[in-house]
């Protein structure tokens, strides 16, 4: 069995910077608090993108919509850049952006159902 050397936190952060084209600020900040988390986060991302059933393109679009729905401006912008680098078109990114508010707006209705029911009875 081949013994693979695990990259250091610093090496992982450098690889992330190369892939993003900019410093991965949240990862750098977290590395100062819980450095053990950085390799786990990197492994999870690789794991998700290596899964075979959803194309890389759709994974990028899902992540953009999820980041937007979660309200993370920084993550949304970062994943939009990653998607562009992966060949996703502006139009496809635009549709992913429109998907998130469509879904989250209905969540607001669902959160109010008990109140709506009480005031309409």
Protein backbone atom coordinates (compact mmCIF):
# COMPACT_ATOMS: atom_id res chain seq x y z
CA UNK A 1 0.00 0.00 0.00
CA UNK A 2 1.37 3.38 -1.00
CA UNK A 3 1.94 5.83 1.83
CA UNK A 4 0.56 9.21 0.78
CA UNK A 5 1.70 12.27 2.68
CA UNK A 6 -1.17 14.46 3.83
CA UNK A 7 -0.67 18.11 2.85
CA UNK A 8 -0.19 20.59 5.68
CA UNK A 9 -2.80 23.23 6.49
CA UNK A 10 -0.56 25.83 4.86
CA UNK A 11 -0.27 23.74 1.68
CA UNK A 12 -4.05 23.24 1.57
CA UNK A 13 -4.60 26.99 1.95
CA UNK A 14 -2.08 27.65 -0.85
CA UNK A 15 -3.89 25.17 -3.13
CA UNK A 16 -7.21 26.84 -2.32
CA UNK A 17 -5.74 30.24 -3.17
CA UNK A 18 -4.44 28.91 -6.49
CA UNK A 19 -7.84 27.40 -7.32
CA UNK A 20 -9.77 30.51 -6.29
CA UNK A 21 -7.39 33.12 -7.63
CA UNK A 22 -7.59 34.88 -4.27
CA UNK A 23 -6.94 34.20 -0.61
CA UNK A 24 -9.55 31.92 1.01
CA UNK A 25 -10.12 34.37 3.86
CA UNK A 26 -12.72 32.35 5.86
CA UNK A 27 -10.51 29.26 5.70
CA UNK A 28 -7.44 31.26 6.75
CA UNK A 29 -9.33 32.73 9.71
CA UNK A 30 -10.67 29.32 10.77
CA UNK A 31 -7.17 27.85 10.47
CA UNK A 32 -6.15 30.22 13.26
CA UNK A 33 -8.92 28.88 15.50
CA UNK A 34 -9.23 25.19 14.55
CA UNK A 35 -6.49 24.23 12.09
CA UNK A 36 -7.60 20.57 12.11
CA UNK A 37 -10.84 21.63 10.42
CA UNK A 38 -9.16 22.88 7.22
CA UNK A 39 -8.13 19.44 5.87
CA UNK A 40 -11.55 18.03 6.76
CA UNK A 41 -13.31 20.83 4.86
CA UNK A 42 -11.02 20.35 1.86
CA UNK A 43 -11.60 16.58 1.90
CA UNK A 44 -15.36 17.05 2.10
CA UNK A 45 -15.35 19.37 -0.91
CA UNK A 46 -13.28 16.90 -2.91
CA UNK A 47 -15.55 14.06 -1.80
CA UNK A 48 -18.68 15.89 -2.97
CA UNK A 49 -17.21 16.84 -6.35
CA UNK A 50 -15.90 13.29 -6.88
CA UNK A 51 -19.35 11.71 -6.41
CA UNK A 52 -20.51 10.43 -9.82
CA UNK A 53 -24.26 10.97 -10.05
CA UNK A 54 -24.57 14.76 -10.35
CA UNK A 55 -22.37 16.52 -12.89
CA UNK A 56 -19.75 19.02 -11.75
CA UNK A 57 -21.70 21.74 -13.55
CA UNK A 58 -24.87 21.07 -11.56
CA UNK A 59 -22.92 20.84 -8.32
CA UNK A 60 -21.52 24.32 -8.93
CA UNK A 61 -25.01 25.67 -9.63
CA UNK A 62 -26.50 23.95 -6.56
CA UNK A 63 -23.76 25.39 -4.35
CA UNK A 64 -24.36 28.90 -5.70
CA UNK A 65 -28.08 28.63 -4.98
CA UNK A 66 -27.44 27.14 -1.51
CA UNK A 67 -24.92 29.86 -0.59
CA UNK A 68 -27.35 32.52 -1.75
CA UNK A 69 -30.24 30.92 0.13
CA UNK A 70 -28.07 30.78 3.25
CA UNK A 71 -27.45 34.51 2.88
CA UNK A 72 -23.68 34.23 2.49
CA UNK A 73 -22.52 37.01 0.17
CA UNK A 74 -18.87 35.97 0.39
CA UNK A 75 -19.59 32.31 -0.39
CA UNK A 76 -22.01 33.18 -3.19
CA UNK A 77 -19.44 35.37 -4.89
CA UNK A 78 -16.64 32.84 -4.38
CA UNK A 79 -18.67 29.98 -5.83
CA UNK A 80 -19.77 32.15 -8.75
CA UNK A 81 -16.08 32.71 -9.55
CA UNK A 82 -15.34 28.99 -9.21
CA UNK A 83 -18.27 28.19 -11.51
CA UNK A 84 -17.05 30.65 -14.16
CA UNK A 85 -13.59 29.09 -13.94
CA UNK A 86 -15.22 25.67 -14.47
CA UNK A 87 -16.92 26.88 -17.67
CA UNK A 88 -20.40 27.63 -16.33
CA UNK A 89 -22.05 30.40 -18.37
CA UNK A 90 -23.33 33.70 -17.03
CA UNK A 91 -26.84 32.65 -18.04
CA UNK A 92 -26.60 29.39 -16.07
CA UNK A 93 -25.29 31.24 -13.02
CA UNK A 94 -28.12 33.74 -13.43
CA UNK A 95 -30.71 30.98 -13.34
CA UNK A 96 -29.10 29.50 -10.22
CA UNK A 97 -29.30 32.95 -8.60
CA UNK A 98 -33.01 33.18 -9.45
CA UNK A 99 -33.67 29.68 -8.08
CA UNK A 100 -32.63 30.47 -4.51
CA UNK A 101 -35.05 33.35 -3.80
CA UNK A 102 -37.86 31.48 -5.54
CA UNK A 103 -37.46 28.64 -3.05
CA UNK A 104 -36.65 30.71 0.03
CA UNK A 105 -39.62 33.03 -0.49
CA UNK A 106 -41.95 30.08 -0.04
CA UNK A 107 -40.09 29.18 3.18
CA UNK A 108 -41.27 32.50 4.61
CA UNK A 109 -44.85 31.50 3.86
CA UNK A 110 -44.30 28.12 5.52
CA UNK A 111 -42.86 29.78 8.63
CA UNK A 112 -46.04 31.84 8.95
CA UNK A 113 -48.60 29.06 8.43
CA UNK A 114 -49.62 28.81 12.08
CA UNK A 115 -50.08 32.57 12.26
CA UNK A 116 -51.98 32.66 8.97
CA UNK A 117 -54.25 29.88 10.17
CA UNK A 118 -54.97 31.68 13.47
CA UNK A 119 -55.83 34.99 11.84
CA UNK A 120 -58.01 33.45 9.16
CA UNK A 121 -60.12 31.16 11.35
